[in-house]
Amino acid sequence: MRYISTRGAAPALGFEDVLLTGLAPDGGLYVPESLPHFTLEEIRSWRGLPYSELAFNVMYPFVEDAIEADDFRTMLGETYDVFAHGAVAPLVQLDSNEWVLELFRGPTLAFKDFALQLLGRLLDYVLERRNQHVVIMGATSGDTGSAAIEGCRRCKHVDIFILHPHERVSEVQRRQMTTVKGDNIHNIAVRGNFDDCQRMVKASFGDQSFLGGKTQLAAVNSINWARIMAQIVYYFHASLALGGPDRSVSFSVPTGNFGDIFAGYLARQMGLPINQLVIATNRNDILHRFMSGNRYERKTLEHTLSPSMDIMVSSNFERLLFDLYGRDGAEVKTLLENAQNGPVSIDDYRWKHVRKLFDSAAVDDKATSEMIREIYQQNEYLLDPHTAIGVKAARECRRDRSVPMVTLGTAHPAKFPDAVKQSGVEVRPELPKHLSDLFEREERFTVLDDDIATVQQFIAEHWKHA
């Protein structure tokens, strides 16, 4: 399988190169030239498979030119064996035909583990074969950083530099990153917001001269295709558990960077019957404003109870636009360049087409707290603030109650104890046993100004072969 850029001006690459390259040289994101498509009969035959076997069936077409089948099966087995539930992603029922898909049973308690525990193993496999060293540079709004560090910390051919917005992630999120020991792990707290961090990462991928030609950057953010690929699987997993593919399923997805919900869009394109995809956002609602009113416009980023979605530049939205514009990279590039200078809209017929599948809602902090409290009072089930936004959006946007509605449970509530407290629920969520001493561990991180030259100099001086 070959991969092409959403900007249309970069050479097509194989999976290995896409894994290591991250952002395309023309500034675009890589997507497959064509998607595998599964028949209903094929999907039906996967019922009852262990998660890792289902993952192999869904993902192997994307990597078969680069990885032997037995090697990939071994990677997937090792990846999902570390999850703290036999089902890997269990479903919990909230109400009649309403469910939460728990995606926080991995080692860092967030959905990012599904992709990033695999990504570390993929990097090890490819870099060992190439005898190559890379520098991972990533930005996090809270969860990507810890999952990337956990997934890649044992990789002997990798140095990891994770940028997070200083004092704008929860304490648990920060400590999960900053207490992991390793000479190849570097945490940078940037005096700015997530969009500032993400902007520096993208610019650094565009010009890597600060590394002096001695190594290259690799991506762990959802600009890396391998992240999206791994997230497609749990849509199939949830559907099969609820009667798919013989019945359609709807999903509500808390999302800021659009990667997680784009994976659901791809699952549908690959043959999975999906009735509706709900984009659930907080006050940083650029995606909701686009879906509800065909207006894509950046506004000032606000700090909320759901910091992992405090994002105003949704990188993966470009991948959807590429499809909406008939895979015309030049059109996508023009649209996104215009968006740098003010609000943009797409052709009305394109917008109406995307609205056939997508709905959206923006949920403020007050409504988030109310949702956490309401679900706990009804079921004694505790939601984290991001999942609460997903449940609220699902209930606001649901088109057909006869269709199962699944909200993606993106994080464990113990990562956000302040948000739970603010909801009025008088229960403090406990960290799992393997993190019970998190607040006693020594932290290591460096606070830097929101200045790309300063950050790049730090990376150039601190990677192990510098």
Protein backbone atom coordinates (compact mmCIF):
# COMPACT_ATOMS: atom_id res chain seq x y z
CA MET A 1 0.00 0.00 0.00
CA ARG A 2 1.22 3.49 -0.88
CA TYR A 3 0.51 6.69 1.03
CA ILE A 4 -0.04 10.16 -0.45
CA SER A 5 -0.08 13.68 0.98
CA THR A 6 -3.24 15.72 1.51
CA ARG A 7 -1.46 18.66 -0.15
CA GLY A 8 -0.73 16.66 -3.30
CA ALA A 9 2.87 17.76 -3.85
CA ALA A 10 4.90 15.08 -2.04
CA PRO A 11 6.01 11.69 -3.38
CA ALA A 12 3.99 8.60 -2.43
CA LEU A 13 5.65 6.51 0.29
CA GLY A 14 5.43 3.01 1.72
CA PHE A 15 4.36 2.33 5.31
CA GLU A 16 7.90 2.30 6.79
CA ASP A 17 8.71 5.75 5.47
CA VAL A 18 5.32 7.16 6.47
CA LEU A 19 5.84 5.80 9.99
CA LEU A 20 9.14 7.66 10.32
CA THR A 21 8.30 10.79 8.32
CA GLY A 22 5.17 12.07 10.09
CA LEU A 23 4.37 15.30 8.24
CA ALA A 24 4.78 15.22 4.46
CA PRO A 25 7.44 17.56 3.00
CA ASP A 26 4.70 19.66 1.34
CA GLY A 27 3.14 20.27 4.76
CA GLY A 28 0.33 17.77 4.27
CA LEU A 29 -0.67 14.61 6.12
CA TYR A 30 -0.26 11.13 4.72
CA VAL A 31 -3.31 9.01 3.89
CA PRO A 32 -3.58 5.67 2.05
CA GLU A 33 -3.93 5.88 -1.74
CA SER A 34 -6.90 3.56 -1.32
CA LEU A 35 -8.61 1.94 1.66
CA PRO A 36 -9.18 -1.77 2.16
CA HIS A 37 -12.87 -2.67 2.06
CA PHE A 38 -14.44 -5.53 3.99
CA THR A 39 -17.70 -7.25 3.12
CA LEU A 40 -20.40 -7.72 5.74
CA GLU A 41 -19.66 -11.43 5.60
CA GLU A 42 -15.98 -10.83 6.42
CA ILE A 43 -16.83 -8.50 9.29
CA ARG A 44 -19.43 -10.94 10.61
CA SER A 45 -16.80 -13.70 10.66
CA TRP A 46 -14.75 -11.67 13.16
CA ARG A 47 -17.32 -11.92 15.96
CA GLY A 48 -15.83 -13.28 19.15
CA LEU A 49 -12.20 -12.76 18.16
CA PRO A 50 -9.74 -11.56 20.82
CA TYR A 51 -9.01 -7.85 20.39
CA SER A 52 -5.48 -8.43 19.06
CA GLU A 53 -6.76 -10.82 16.36
CA LEU A 54 -9.45 -8.35 15.30
CA ALA A 55 -6.76 -5.66 15.19
CA PHE A 56 -4.67 -7.85 12.89
CA ASN A 57 -7.54 -8.34 10.46
CA VAL A 58 -8.38 -4.62 10.33
CA MET A 59 -4.83 -3.24 10.20
CA TYR A 60 -2.69 -5.72 8.31
CA PRO A 61 -3.65 -4.43 4.84
CA PHE A 62 -2.07 -1.10 5.82
CA VAL A 63 1.32 -2.64 6.73
CA GLU A 64 1.60 -5.88 4.75
CA ASP A 65 4.25 -4.51 2.39
CA ALA A 66 6.52 -3.66 5.33
CA ILE A 67 5.94 -6.18 8.14
CA GLU A 68 5.71 -9.96 8.13
CA ALA A 69 2.31 -11.25 9.27
CA ASP A 70 3.70 -13.27 12.20
CA ASP A 71 5.78 -10.32 13.40
CA PHE A 72 2.75 -8.03 13.31
CA ARG A 73 0.63 -10.56 15.21
CA THR A 74 3.33 -10.74 17.89
CA MET A 75 3.43 -6.94 18.19
CA LEU A 76 -0.33 -6.74 18.58
CA GLY A 77 -0.39 -9.49 21.18
CA GLU A 78 2.29 -7.72 23.23
CA THR A 79 0.53 -4.35 22.82
CA TYR A 80 -2.87 -5.38 24.12
CA ASP A 81 -1.69 -7.90 26.71
CA VAL A 82 -0.67 -4.99 28.96
CA PHE A 83 -4.24 -3.64 29.13
CA ALA A 84 -6.01 -4.15 32.45
CA HIS A 85 -9.15 -5.80 31.12
CA GLY A 86 -9.59 -9.06 29.22
CA ALA A 87 -11.85 -7.39 26.67
CA VAL A 88 -9.24 -4.61 26.21
CA ALA A 89 -12.05 -2.13 25.42
CA PRO A 90 -15.12 -3.18 27.46
CA LEU A 91 -18.59 -1.69 26.90
CA VAL A 92 -20.58 -0.34 29.85
CA GLN A 93 -24.31 0.34 29.48
CA LEU A 94 -25.58 3.73 30.71
CA ASP A 95 -29.19 3.57 29.57
CA SER A 96 -31.47 1.93 27.03
CA ASN A 97 -29.33 1.34 23.93
CA GLU A 98 -26.69 3.80 25.25
CA TRP A 99 -23.13 2.71 26.01
CA VAL A 100 -19.65 3.87 26.97
CA LEU A 101 -16.70 2.15 25.30
CA GLU A 102 -13.97 2.18 27.94
CA LEU A 103 -10.75 3.07 26.14
CA PHE A 104 -8.80 3.85 29.32
CA ARG A 105 -7.73 0.38 30.43
CA GLY A 106 -4.18 0.80 29.07
CA PRO A 107 -1.10 1.68 31.12
CA THR A 108 -1.60 5.47 30.98
CA LEU A 109 -5.41 5.42 31.39
CA ALA A 110 -6.34 7.08 28.09
CA PHE A 111 -7.40 6.05 24.60
CA LYS A 112 -4.01 7.13 23.25
CA ASP A 113 -2.59 3.84 24.58
CA PHE A 114 -4.33 1.89 21.80
CA ALA A 115 -2.11 3.51 19.20
CA LEU A 116 0.99 4.57 21.09
CA GLN A 117 1.75 1.24 22.75
CA LEU A 118 1.75 -0.19 19.23
CA LEU A 119 3.68 2.73 17.75
CA GLY A 120 6.64 2.10 20.06
CA ARG A 121 6.83 -1.52 18.89
CA LEU A 122 6.52 -0.50 15.24
CA LEU A 123 9.35 1.99 15.64
CA ASP A 124 11.57 -0.57 17.35
CA TYR A 125 10.92 -3.06 14.55
CA VAL A 126 11.67 -0.64 11.71
CA LEU A 127 14.59 1.21 13.32
CA GLU A 128 16.32 -2.02 14.35
CA ARG A 129 16.08 -3.29 10.81
CA ARG A 130 17.44 -0.01 9.45
CA ASN A 131 20.00 0.49 12.23
CA GLN A 132 18.71 4.05 12.45
CA HIS A 133 18.20 6.52 15.33
CA VAL A 134 15.39 9.09 15.44
CA VAL A 135 14.23 11.92 17.67
CA ILE A 136 10.56 11.89 18.58
CA MET A 137 9.14 15.38 18.92
CA GLY A 138 5.53 15.59 20.02
CA ALA A 139 3.01 18.02 21.45
CA THR A 140 0.42 16.99 24.00
CA SER A 141 -2.71 18.54 25.46
CA GLY A 142 -2.45 15.99 28.24
CA ASP A 143 -2.71 12.33 27.25
CA THR A 144 -0.59 11.82 24.13
CA GLY A 145 2.61 12.66 26.00
CA SER A 146 2.34 10.03 28.71
CA ALA A 147 1.15 7.36 26.27
CA ALA A 148 4.03 8.15 23.89
CA ILE A 149 6.58 8.04 26.69
CA GLU A 150 5.22 4.76 28.01
CA GLY A 151 5.06 3.25 24.55
CA CYS A 152 8.51 4.36 23.40
CA ARG A 153 10.64 4.62 26.55
CA ARG A 154 12.24 1.20 25.99
CA CYS A 155 13.03 1.88 22.32
CA LYS A 156 16.82 1.85 22.08
CA HIS A 157 16.90 3.85 18.84
CA VAL A 158 14.73 6.74 20.05
CA ASP A 159 15.03 9.98 22.02
CA ILE A 160 11.69 11.46 23.12
CA PHE A 161 10.94 15.18 23.51
CA ILE A 162 7.35 15.94 24.54
CA LEU A 163 6.04 19.52 24.69
CA HIS A 164 3.09 20.28 26.95
CA PRO A 165 1.48 23.65 27.84
CA HIS A 166 2.88 24.75 31.19
CA GLU A 167 0.26 24.60 33.97
CA ARG A 168 -2.50 23.70 31.48
CA VAL A 169 -2.70 19.93 31.95
CA SER A 170 -4.00 18.15 35.03
CA GLU A 171 -1.51 17.21 37.74
CA VAL A 172 -2.01 13.50 37.08
CA GLN A 173 -1.44 14.01 33.35
CA ARG A 174 1.75 15.99 34.04
CA ARG A 175 3.14 13.52 36.55
CA GLN A 176 2.48 10.59 34.25
CA MET A 177 4.94 12.23 31.85
CA THR A 178 7.46 13.80 34.17
CA THR A 179 8.05 10.91 36.59
CA VAL A 180 9.12 8.33 34.00
CA LYS A 181 12.86 7.75 34.31
CA GLY A 182 15.11 7.39 31.31
CA ASP A 183 18.02 9.21 29.72
CA ASN A 184 16.14 9.32 26.44
CA ILE A 185 13.02 11.01 27.89
CA HIS A 186 12.72 14.81 27.92
CA ASN A 187 9.64 16.76 29.02
CA ILE A 188 9.36 20.41 27.98
CA ALA A 189 6.73 22.64 29.61
CA VAL A 190 6.06 25.49 27.17
CA ARG A 191 4.82 28.86 28.45
CA GLY A 192 1.86 28.83 26.07
CA ASN A 193 -1.07 26.65 25.03
CA PHE A 194 -1.37 23.38 23.13
CA ASP A 195 -1.74 25.11 19.76
CA ASP A 196 1.60 26.86 20.42
CA CYS A 197 3.22 23.48 21.12
CA GLN A 198 1.64 21.88 18.05
CA ARG A 199 2.71 24.80 15.85
CA MET A 200 6.34 24.37 16.91
CA VAL A 201 6.23 20.63 16.23
CA LYS A 202 4.81 21.14 12.74
CA ALA A 203 7.34 23.86 11.92
CA SER A 204 10.19 21.68 13.16
CA PHE A 205 9.11 18.81 10.91
CA GLY A 206 9.06 21.26 8.01
CA ASP A 207 12.64 22.39 8.67
CA GLN A 208 14.86 19.93 10.56
CA SER A 209 18.12 21.80 9.98
CA PHE A 210 18.45 22.41 13.74
CA LEU A 211 19.42 18.72 14.04
CA GLY A 212 22.45 19.28 11.85
CA GLY A 213 21.67 16.37 9.54
CA LYS A 214 22.68 13.86 12.23
CA THR A 215 19.20 12.40 12.77
CA GLN A 216 15.56 12.96 11.81
CA LEU A 217 12.33 13.69 13.61
CA ALA A 218 9.60 11.08 14.03
CA ALA A 219 6.01 11.91 14.98
CA VAL A 220 3.84 10.53 17.76
CA ASN A 221 1.01 13.03 17.35
CA SER A 222 -2.00 11.99 15.33
CA ILE A 223 -0.37 13.45 12.24
CA ASN A 224 1.35 10.02 12.19
CA TRP A 225 -0.80 7.66 10.13
CA ALA A 226 -0.05 4.71 12.44
CA ARG A 227 -2.01 6.49 15.21
CA ILE A 228 -5.15 6.73 13.07
CA MET A 229 -4.76 3.17 11.80
CA ALA A 230 -4.79 1.69 15.30
CA GLN A 231 -7.86 3.69 16.35
CA ILE A 232 -10.00 2.30 13.53
CA VAL A 233 -10.05 -1.09 15.26
CA TYR A 234 -12.16 -0.24 18.28
CA TYR A 235 -15.05 0.94 16.11
CA PHE A 236 -15.22 -2.57 14.64
CA HIS A 237 -14.83 -4.03 18.15
CA ALA A 238 -17.78 -2.05 19.57
CA SER A 239 -19.99 -2.70 16.56
CA LEU A 240 -19.41 -6.46 16.66
CA ALA A 241 -20.24 -6.54 20.38
CA LEU A 242 -23.59 -4.81 19.73
CA GLY A 243 -24.84 -6.87 16.80
CA GLY A 244 -22.85 -5.41 13.93
CA PRO A 245 -22.50 -5.59 11.07
CA ASP A 246 -26.15 -6.71 10.87
CA ARG A 247 -27.22 -3.53 12.62
CA SER A 248 -25.79 -0.06 12.33
CA VAL A 249 -24.19 1.70 15.32
CA SER A 250 -23.70 5.40 16.12
CA PHE A 251 -20.73 6.92 17.95
CA SER A 252 -20.15 10.08 19.95
CA VAL A 253 -16.49 11.06 20.12
CA PRO A 254 -14.90 13.65 22.43
CA THR A 255 -12.36 15.20 20.09
CA GLY A 256 -10.14 18.24 19.66
CA ASN A 257 -7.66 17.21 16.98
CA PHE A 258 -10.22 15.20 14.95
CA GLY A 259 -8.02 12.09 14.82
CA ASP A 260 -10.19 9.78 16.92
CA ILE A 261 -13.41 10.55 15.06
CA PHE A 262 -11.64 10.46 11.69
CA ALA A 263 -10.79 6.85 12.51
CA GLY A 264 -14.54 6.21 12.82
CA TYR A 265 -15.12 7.83 9.43
CA LEU A 266 -12.50 5.50 7.95
CA ALA A 267 -14.10 2.45 9.59
CA ARG A 268 -17.32 3.35 7.78
CA GLN A 269 -15.46 3.82 4.50
CA MET A 270 -13.97 0.34 5.01
CA GLY A 271 -17.41 -1.26 5.20
CA LEU A 272 -18.56 -0.99 8.84
CA PRO A 273 -22.21 0.11 9.06
CA ILE A 274 -22.13 3.38 11.05
CA ASN A 275 -25.30 5.45 11.23
CA GLN A 276 -23.99 8.67 12.78
CA LEU A 277 -20.78 10.23 14.09
CA VAL A 278 -21.16 12.96 16.74
CA ILE A 279 -18.31 15.42 17.24
CA ALA A 280 -18.28 16.33 20.94
CA THR A 281 -16.29 19.46 21.83
CA ASN A 282 -15.85 21.89 24.71
CA ARG A 283 -15.79 25.71 24.51
CA ASN A 284 -12.95 25.42 21.99
CA ASP A 285 -15.58 24.59 19.42
CA ILE A 286 -14.09 25.21 15.97
CA LEU A 287 -15.24 21.79 14.76
CA HIS A 288 -18.78 22.32 16.05
CA ARG A 289 -19.01 25.74 14.41
CA PHE A 290 -17.96 24.21 11.12
CA MET A 291 -20.35 21.25 11.30
CA SER A 292 -23.31 23.31 12.48
CA GLY A 293 -22.79 26.40 10.33
CA ASN A 294 -20.13 25.74 7.64
CA ARG A 295 -17.76 28.29 9.17
CA TYR A 296 -14.18 27.29 10.02
CA GLU A 297 -12.73 30.11 12.11
CA ARG A 298 -10.07 30.16 14.79
CA LYS A 299 -10.79 31.96 18.03
CA THR A 300 -8.86 32.47 21.25
CA LEU A 301 -8.09 29.18 22.96
CA GLU A 302 -9.71 28.81 26.39
CA HIS A 303 -8.66 26.66 29.35
CA THR A 304 -11.43 24.23 30.38
CA LEU A 305 -12.20 21.26 32.64
CA SER A 306 -11.43 19.03 29.64
CA PRO A 307 -7.85 20.09 28.81
CA SER A 308 -7.15 17.29 26.33
CA MET A 309 -9.61 19.03 23.99
CA ASP A 310 -8.27 22.54 24.51
CA ILE A 311 -7.29 22.71 20.85
CA MET A 312 -8.27 25.21 18.17
CA VAL A 313 -6.22 23.93 15.22
CA SER A 314 -7.58 20.46 14.47
CA SER A 315 -4.79 18.87 12.44
CA ASN A 316 -6.63 15.77 11.27
CA PHE A 317 -9.54 17.76 9.90
CA GLU A 318 -7.31 18.21 6.84
CA ARG A 319 -7.62 14.48 6.13
CA LEU A 320 -11.41 14.77 5.96
CA LEU A 321 -11.21 17.88 3.78
CA PHE A 322 -9.00 15.94 1.37
CA ASP A 323 -11.83 13.46 0.81
CA LEU A 324 -14.48 16.19 0.64
CA TYR A 325 -12.52 17.90 -2.14
CA GLY A 326 -12.21 14.73 -4.19
CA ARG A 327 -8.60 14.23 -3.03
CA ASP A 328 -7.53 17.46 -4.72
CA GLY A 329 -4.47 18.48 -2.67
CA ALA A 330 -4.15 21.91 -4.30
CA GLU A 331 -7.72 22.82 -3.27
CA VAL A 332 -7.05 21.69 0.30
CA LYS A 333 -3.84 23.69 0.48
CA THR A 334 -5.58 26.85 -0.74
CA LEU A 335 -8.45 26.45 1.73
CA LEU A 336 -6.12 25.95 4.71
CA GLU A 337 -3.89 28.85 3.69
CA ASN A 338 -6.98 31.07 3.54
CA ALA A 339 -7.99 29.81 6.99
CA GLN A 340 -4.76 31.30 8.37
CA ASN A 341 -6.14 34.77 7.60
CA GLY A 342 -9.79 34.48 8.64
CA PRO A 343 -12.95 32.40 8.50
CA VAL A 344 -13.51 30.02 5.58
CA SER A 345 -16.41 27.92 4.33
CA ILE A 346 -16.60 25.06 1.87
CA ASP A 347 -19.00 24.65 -1.03
CA ASP A 348 -22.53 24.19 0.25
CA TYR A 349 -23.00 20.82 -1.49
CA ARG A 350 -19.80 19.49 0.12
CA TRP A 351 -20.95 20.69 3.54
CA LYS A 352 -24.39 19.11 3.13
CA HIS A 353 -22.71 15.86 2.09
CA VAL A 354 -20.57 15.67 5.25
CA ARG A 355 -23.59 16.54 7.43
CA LYS A 356 -25.28 13.31 6.29
CA LEU A 357 -22.92 11.46 8.64
CA PHE A 358 -21.66 14.01 11.15
CA ASP A 359 -23.43 15.96 13.88
CA SER A 360 -21.81 18.05 16.60
CA ALA A 361 -22.28 19.77 19.94
CA ALA A 362 -20.22 22.10 22.13
CA VAL A 363 -20.49 21.55 25.89
CA ASP A 364 -19.33 24.14 28.42
CA ASP A 365 -17.83 23.42 31.85
CA LYS A 366 -21.14 23.86 33.68
CA ALA A 367 -22.91 21.31 31.50
CA THR A 368 -19.90 18.98 31.76
CA SER A 369 -20.11 19.04 35.57
CA GLU A 370 -23.85 18.47 35.45
CA MET A 371 -23.39 15.45 33.20
CA ILE A 372 -20.78 13.88 35.50
CA ARG A 373 -23.14 14.34 38.44
CA GLU A 374 -26.24 13.10 36.59
CA ILE A 375 -24.64 9.87 35.38
CA TYR A 376 -23.18 9.15 38.82
CA GLN A 377 -26.56 9.72 40.49
CA GLN A 378 -28.27 7.44 37.96
CA ASN A 379 -25.74 4.61 37.78
CA GLU A 380 -22.94 5.21 40.32
CA TYR A 381 -20.70 5.32 37.26
CA LEU A 382 -18.03 8.01 37.17
CA LEU A 383 -17.18 9.80 33.92
CA ASP A 384 -14.10 11.87 33.25
CA PRO A 385 -14.92 15.36 31.85
CA HIS A 386 -14.11 14.44 28.24
CA THR A 387 -16.35 11.38 28.26
CA ALA A 388 -19.07 13.43 29.98
CA ILE A 389 -18.96 15.84 27.04
CA GLY A 390 -19.31 12.86 24.71
CA VAL A 391 -22.39 11.57 26.56
CA LYS A 392 -23.98 15.03 26.63
CA ALA A 393 -23.37 15.50 22.90
CA ALA A 394 -24.72 12.02 22.15
CA ARG A 395 -27.97 12.80 23.95
CA GLU A 396 -28.34 16.17 22.23
CA CYS A 397 -27.62 14.93 18.72
CA ARG A 398 -28.99 11.38 18.63
CA ARG A 399 -31.07 10.82 15.50
CA ASP A 400 -32.54 7.36 16.10
CA ARG A 401 -33.00 5.71 19.49
CA SER A 402 -33.33 2.28 17.89
CA VAL A 403 -29.67 2.53 16.84
CA PRO A 404 -27.12 1.81 19.61
CA MET A 405 -25.25 4.96 20.64
CA VAL A 406 -21.69 4.43 21.85
CA THR A 407 -19.71 7.23 23.49
CA LEU A 408 -15.97 6.73 23.43
CA GLY A 409 -14.71 6.79 27.03
CA THR A 410 -11.42 8.52 26.37
CA ALA A 411 -9.84 8.78 29.83
CA HIS A 412 -10.03 7.43 33.38
CA PRO A 413 -11.72 9.86 35.82
CA ALA A 414 -8.73 9.59 38.19
CA LYS A 415 -6.78 11.73 35.72
CA PHE A 416 -9.15 14.63 36.45
CA PRO A 417 -10.00 14.60 40.17
CA ASP A 418 -10.54 18.38 40.27
CA ALA A 419 -13.19 18.17 37.56
CA VAL A 420 -14.92 15.34 39.42
CA LYS A 421 -14.84 17.37 42.64
CA GLN A 422 -16.25 20.42 40.87
CA SER A 423 -19.18 18.32 39.67
CA GLY A 424 -20.32 17.84 43.25
CA VAL A 425 -19.84 14.08 43.24
CA GLU A 426 -18.46 13.23 46.67
CA VAL A 427 -16.23 10.41 45.47
CA ARG A 428 -12.55 10.83 44.74
CA PRO A 429 -11.56 8.59 41.83
CA GLU A 430 -8.67 6.34 42.78
CA LEU A 431 -5.67 5.71 40.59
CA PRO A 432 -5.12 2.05 39.64
CA LYS A 433 -2.57 0.09 41.64
CA HIS A 434 0.30 0.55 39.17
CA LEU A 435 0.01 4.34 39.59
CA SER A 436 -0.85 4.44 43.30
CA ASP A 437 2.49 6.08 44.22
CA LEU A 438 2.40 8.62 41.37
CA PHE A 439 2.37 11.66 43.69
CA GLU A 440 5.47 10.41 45.51
CA ARG A 441 7.62 10.00 42.40
CA GLU A 442 10.27 12.55 41.49
CA GLU A 443 9.42 14.82 38.55
CA ARG A 444 11.77 15.93 35.78
CA PHE A 445 10.84 18.60 33.26
CA THR A 446 12.19 21.84 31.81
CA VAL A 447 10.12 25.03 31.47
CA LEU A 448 10.87 26.97 28.28
CA ASP A 449 9.43 30.08 26.64
CA ASP A 450 7.07 29.80 23.70
CA ASP A 451 9.92 30.31 21.26
CA ILE A 452 10.76 27.79 18.56
CA ALA A 453 14.48 28.63 18.47
CA THR A 454 14.77 28.04 22.23
CA VAL A 455 12.96 24.70 22.02
CA GLN A 456 14.93 23.53 18.99
CA GLN A 457 18.23 24.44 20.65
CA PHE A 458 17.26 22.43 23.72
CA ILE A 459 16.49 19.38 21.56
CA ALA A 460 19.70 19.75 19.53
CA GLU A 461 21.76 19.83 22.73
CA HIS A 462 20.04 17.00 24.60
CA TRP A 463 19.44 14.09 22.24
CA LYS A 464 21.85 11.31 23.13
CA HIS A 465 24.14 11.56 20.09
CA ALA A 466 24.22 15.37 19.99
